[in-house]
Amino acid sequence: MANRQMAQAPENHLRLSWHDTQMMATLSPQTVMDYFCRKSNPFYDHMCNNETIRMQRLGVEHLHNMLGMEYILLHVAEPILYVIRKQHRHSPSEATPIADYYIIGGTVYKAPDLANVINARILNTVVNLQSAFEEASSYARYHPNKGYTWDFSSNKVLSDKSKTDKKDSNAAKDDSSGTLFQKQRVDMLLAELLRKFPPPIPPMLQNLQQPLQVGPGADVGMGANSAENNAIGPLDVATESIDMKPPPEKKTK
């Protein structure tokens, strides 16, 4: 039963190629259709309109007046590339493409469609990713204290690369530690910030720093003393608090 199903399954033409050594040397745009329409070519369908006009000895121009499946020469890039299209003709001006075949160096291949191209690319990507994950997981090691680590000792190329990466990272750290901002001292930065943004002066110190105003009825000596005090500068807070204390009282015996 399995052999019967395999026999009924259609053959995959994407894995086939065909060539005729006798006609490869004389291949040209005038003879390429005769070369493709040989009976030994597995890509050629003998029930097409091309075979009908060959049996009737008619020209290729009669294909436009017939309905059904046909083969036409679509593109020529002498002397190596020829593209032949298989299509179904509905009218002299309307035809539906079915498949394309290209001849390179005398060998005929079937051109894959867009679905086959996408499937092949996706399959190739998945296979490469799977092999990459399997190779990466083979270098993973687990320790109860350290957790998961990488061990590339079995692969000399990866081991040398990991050592080189460590050296480059250490060199980058050394270079980054030598920047201008990191070389400046913290106290210099704090002094610069203190100069730009000075702290507010307490109200008690602001009153001491203001000069005494002399009125019209004030004593001249008082004004002189105030002037002298202004010349000396602001009073010290600690000294002023000591002078304002009353004298100690005498204890009775």
Protein backbone atom coordinates (compact mmCIF):
# COMPACT_ATOMS: atom_id res chain seq x y z
CA MET A 1 0.00 0.00 0.00
CA ALA A 2 2.85 2.37 0.84
CA ASN A 3 4.62 1.60 -2.44
CA ARG A 4 1.39 2.31 -4.36
CA GLN A 5 1.05 5.71 -2.65
CA MET A 6 4.66 6.58 -3.45
CA ALA A 7 4.07 5.66 -7.08
CA GLN A 8 1.00 7.91 -7.27
CA ALA A 9 2.76 10.86 -5.62
CA PRO A 10 3.78 13.57 -8.13
CA GLU A 11 7.48 13.91 -8.88
CA ASN A 12 9.20 17.04 -7.58
CA HIS A 13 10.57 18.76 -10.67
CA LEU A 14 12.59 21.23 -8.58
CA ARG A 15 15.12 18.47 -7.92
CA LEU A 16 15.43 17.46 -11.57
CA SER A 17 17.61 18.71 -14.41
CA TRP A 18 17.91 17.68 -18.02
CA HIS A 19 20.33 18.21 -20.92
CA ASP A 20 21.03 16.74 -24.34
CA THR A 21 24.73 16.56 -25.20
CA GLN A 22 24.04 16.27 -28.92
CA MET A 23 22.23 19.63 -29.24
CA MET A 24 23.98 21.65 -26.53
CA ALA A 25 26.64 22.94 -28.91
CA THR A 26 24.10 24.24 -31.46
CA LEU A 27 21.81 25.95 -28.94
CA SER A 28 20.50 29.37 -30.12
CA PRO A 29 17.28 31.43 -29.93
CA GLN A 30 16.10 29.74 -33.14
CA THR A 31 16.71 26.17 -31.92
CA VAL A 32 16.03 26.48 -28.17
CA MET A 33 12.33 25.57 -28.49
CA ASP A 34 13.16 22.42 -30.47
CA TYR A 35 15.74 21.62 -27.82
CA PHE A 36 13.20 22.00 -25.00
CA CYS A 37 10.44 20.07 -26.81
CA ARG A 38 12.41 16.85 -27.13
CA LYS A 39 10.64 13.73 -25.91
CA SER A 40 13.39 12.89 -23.39
CA ASN A 41 12.84 16.18 -21.54
CA PRO A 42 10.86 15.41 -18.32
CA PHE A 43 9.64 19.03 -18.13
CA TYR A 44 7.91 18.86 -21.52
CA ASP A 45 4.24 17.84 -21.72
CA HIS A 46 3.50 16.02 -24.99
CA MET A 47 -0.20 16.97 -24.81
CA CYS A 48 0.54 20.68 -25.37
CA ASN A 49 -0.19 22.81 -28.42
CA ASN A 50 3.49 22.91 -29.35
CA GLU A 51 3.43 19.18 -30.04
CA THR A 52 0.28 19.62 -32.17
CA ILE A 53 1.81 22.25 -34.46
CA ARG A 54 5.00 20.18 -34.73
CA MET A 55 3.01 17.19 -35.94
CA GLN A 56 1.14 19.41 -38.41
CA ARG A 57 4.37 21.12 -39.49
CA LEU A 58 3.03 24.58 -38.69
CA GLY A 59 4.85 27.67 -37.51
CA VAL A 60 5.08 28.96 -33.91
CA GLU A 61 2.83 31.91 -34.79
CA HIS A 62 -0.18 29.54 -34.92
CA LEU A 63 -0.02 29.10 -31.12
CA HIS A 64 -1.90 32.40 -30.62
CA ASN A 65 -4.89 31.00 -32.49
CA MET A 66 -5.12 27.86 -30.35
CA LEU A 67 -6.55 27.31 -26.87
CA GLY A 68 -4.94 25.20 -24.19
CA MET A 69 -1.46 24.62 -22.74
CA GLU A 70 1.61 25.87 -24.59
CA TYR A 71 5.31 26.76 -24.16
CA ILE A 72 6.80 30.10 -25.27
CA LEU A 73 10.28 31.60 -25.27
CA LEU A 74 10.03 34.35 -22.64
CA HIS A 75 13.57 35.72 -22.27
CA VAL A 76 16.93 35.33 -24.00
CA ALA A 77 20.38 36.31 -22.69
CA GLU A 78 22.80 34.88 -25.24
CA PRO A 79 24.72 32.72 -25.22
CA ILE A 80 24.02 31.05 -21.88
CA LEU A 81 20.53 31.86 -20.54
CA TYR A 82 17.09 31.09 -21.98
CA VAL A 83 13.77 31.31 -20.10
CA ILE A 84 10.75 29.29 -21.27
CA ARG A 85 7.25 29.73 -19.84
CA LYS A 86 4.49 27.16 -19.60
CA GLN A 87 1.06 28.80 -19.79
CA HIS A 88 -2.60 28.12 -20.53
CA ARG A 89 -4.05 30.22 -23.34
CA HIS A 90 -7.66 31.33 -23.04
CA SER A 91 -7.76 33.68 -26.04
CA PRO A 92 -5.31 35.19 -28.52
CA SER A 93 -4.64 38.04 -26.04
CA GLU A 94 -5.05 36.27 -22.67
CA ALA A 95 -2.92 33.52 -21.11
CA THR A 96 -2.34 32.33 -17.52
CA PRO A 97 1.27 31.46 -16.52
CA ILE A 98 1.75 28.02 -14.96
CA ALA A 99 5.52 27.53 -14.59
CA ASP A 100 8.87 28.90 -15.78
CA TYR A 101 11.93 26.94 -16.89
CA TYR A 102 15.42 28.28 -17.46
CA ILE A 103 18.26 26.83 -19.51
CA ILE A 104 21.81 27.63 -18.35
CA GLY A 105 24.69 26.22 -20.36
CA GLY A 106 22.36 23.72 -22.06
CA THR A 107 20.92 22.32 -18.79
CA VAL A 108 17.20 22.76 -18.14
CA TYR A 109 15.90 23.53 -14.63
CA LYS A 110 12.49 24.41 -13.25
CA ALA A 111 12.28 27.84 -11.61
CA PRO A 112 10.82 27.67 -8.08
CA ASP A 113 7.74 29.70 -7.26
CA LEU A 114 7.53 32.27 -4.46
CA ALA A 115 6.06 29.81 -1.93
CA ASN A 116 8.93 27.37 -2.42
CA VAL A 117 11.50 30.15 -2.10
CA ILE A 118 9.99 31.41 1.18
CA ASN A 119 9.70 27.89 2.58
CA ALA A 120 13.31 27.13 1.72
CA ARG A 121 14.57 30.36 3.31
CA ILE A 122 12.53 29.81 6.49
CA LEU A 123 13.68 26.19 6.75
CA ASN A 124 17.31 27.23 6.27
CA THR A 125 16.96 29.90 8.97
CA VAL A 126 15.36 27.49 11.44
CA VAL A 127 18.05 24.86 10.86
CA ASN A 128 20.84 27.39 11.40
CA LEU A 129 19.22 28.74 14.57
CA GLN A 130 18.71 25.25 15.94
CA SER A 131 22.35 24.33 15.33
CA ALA A 132 23.47 27.59 16.95
CA PHE A 133 21.37 26.93 20.07
CA GLU A 134 22.64 23.37 20.32
CA GLU A 135 26.26 24.51 20.05
CA ALA A 136 25.73 27.28 22.61
CA SER A 137 24.04 24.92 25.08
CA SER A 138 26.97 22.50 24.82
CA TYR A 139 29.26 25.15 26.40
CA ALA A 140 26.91 25.97 29.30
CA ARG A 141 27.93 24.70 32.75
CA TYR A 142 25.98 24.81 36.00
CA HIS A 143 27.38 25.01 39.54
CA PRO A 144 25.24 25.26 42.71
CA ASN A 145 27.31 28.18 44.03
CA LYS A 146 28.09 30.05 40.81
CA GLY A 147 25.02 29.24 38.75
CA TYR A 148 25.31 29.02 34.95
CA THR A 149 28.67 29.83 33.34
CA TRP A 150 30.34 29.36 29.96
CA ASP A 151 33.21 26.93 29.42
CA PHE A 152 34.94 27.28 26.05
CA SER A 153 37.99 25.20 26.94
CA SER A 154 36.92 22.48 24.50
CA ASN A 155 36.89 24.99 21.63
CA LYS A 156 40.23 26.71 21.19
CA VAL A 157 38.89 29.44 18.89
CA LEU A 158 36.13 30.47 21.30
CA SER A 159 38.48 30.23 24.27
CA ASP A 160 40.98 32.59 22.65
CA LYS A 161 38.15 34.92 21.66
CA SER A 162 36.79 35.06 25.22
CA LYS A 163 40.25 35.90 26.56
CA THR A 164 40.63 38.65 23.98
CA ASP A 165 37.21 40.07 24.88
CA LYS A 166 38.16 40.14 28.57
CA LYS A 167 41.37 42.01 27.78
CA ASP A 168 39.49 44.51 25.64
CA SER A 169 36.91 45.09 28.39
CA ASN A 170 39.65 45.64 30.99
CA ALA A 171 41.42 48.07 28.68
CA ALA A 172 38.18 49.93 28.12
CA LYS A 173 37.65 50.20 31.88
CA ASP A 174 41.16 51.61 32.34
CA ASP A 175 40.57 54.16 29.60
CA SER A 176 37.22 55.20 31.04
CA SER A 177 38.75 55.77 34.51
CA GLY A 178 41.07 58.40 33.11
CA THR A 179 38.43 60.92 32.04
CA LEU A 180 38.63 64.56 33.10
CA PHE A 181 35.56 64.37 35.33
CA GLN A 182 36.84 61.35 37.26
CA LYS A 183 40.31 62.83 37.73
CA GLN A 184 39.01 65.96 39.49
CA ARG A 185 38.87 65.88 43.25
CA VAL A 186 35.54 65.88 45.05
CA ASP A 187 36.41 68.86 47.22
CA MET A 188 37.16 70.98 44.14
CA LEU A 189 33.72 70.18 42.77
CA LEU A 190 32.08 71.01 46.09
CA ALA A 191 33.96 74.31 46.28
CA GLU A 192 32.81 75.21 42.78
CA LEU A 193 29.20 74.41 43.67
CA LEU A 194 29.49 76.43 46.90
CA ARG A 195 30.78 79.46 44.96
CA LYS A 196 27.94 79.27 42.44
CA PHE A 197 25.22 78.54 44.97
CA PRO A 198 26.17 80.13 48.34
CA PRO A 199 24.09 79.16 51.39
CA PRO A 200 21.58 81.73 52.79
CA ILE A 201 22.83 83.99 55.67
CA PRO A 202 20.87 83.68 58.96
CA PRO A 203 18.77 86.76 59.93
CA MET A 204 20.83 87.43 63.13
CA LEU A 205 24.02 87.78 61.11
CA GLN A 206 22.29 90.01 58.55
CA ASN A 207 21.30 92.48 61.38
CA LEU A 208 24.87 92.62 62.69
CA GLN A 209 26.30 93.31 59.26
CA GLN A 210 24.01 96.33 58.63
CA PRO A 211 25.67 99.76 59.56
CA LEU A 212 24.13 101.86 62.39
CA GLN A 213 22.09 104.85 61.20
CA VAL A 214 22.85 108.23 62.90
CA GLY A 215 19.82 110.49 63.43
CA PRO A 216 19.73 114.29 63.85
CA GLY A 217 19.38 114.08 67.64
CA ALA A 218 22.00 111.43 68.17
CA ASP A 219 25.12 112.04 70.16
CA VAL A 220 28.25 112.92 68.24
CA GLY A 221 30.29 110.55 70.30
CA MET A 222 27.78 107.89 69.59
CA GLY A 223 28.21 108.58 65.92
CA ALA A 224 31.96 108.42 66.31
CA ASN A 225 31.71 105.13 68.10
CA SER A 226 29.40 103.78 65.43
CA ALA A 227 31.72 104.95 62.72
CA GLU A 228 34.59 103.30 64.53
CA ASN A 229 32.59 100.12 64.86
CA ASN A 230 31.77 100.19 61.16
CA ALA A 231 35.40 100.69 60.35
CA ILE A 232 36.36 97.73 62.46
CA GLY A 233 33.73 95.49 60.88
CA PRO A 234 30.84 93.33 62.08
CA LEU A 235 30.85 92.30 65.69
CA ASP A 236 31.69 88.80 66.62
CA VAL A 237 28.63 86.91 67.81
CA ALA A 238 30.50 85.10 70.55
CA THR A 239 32.14 88.33 71.92
CA GLU A 240 28.86 90.21 71.93
CA SER A 241 27.10 87.54 73.88
CA ILE A 242 29.83 87.56 76.56
CA ASP A 243 29.73 91.38 77.02
CA MET A 244 25.97 91.41 77.46
CA LYS A 245 26.02 89.10 80.48
CA PRO A 246 25.32 90.79 83.86
CA PRO A 247 28.04 90.77 86.57
CA PRO A 248 27.97 87.86 88.96
CA GLU A 249 26.05 88.43 92.18
CA LYS A 250 27.85 88.30 95.50
CA LYS A 251 26.83 85.49 97.74
CA THR A 252 25.98 86.31 101.37
CA LYS A 253 28.13 84.69 103.93
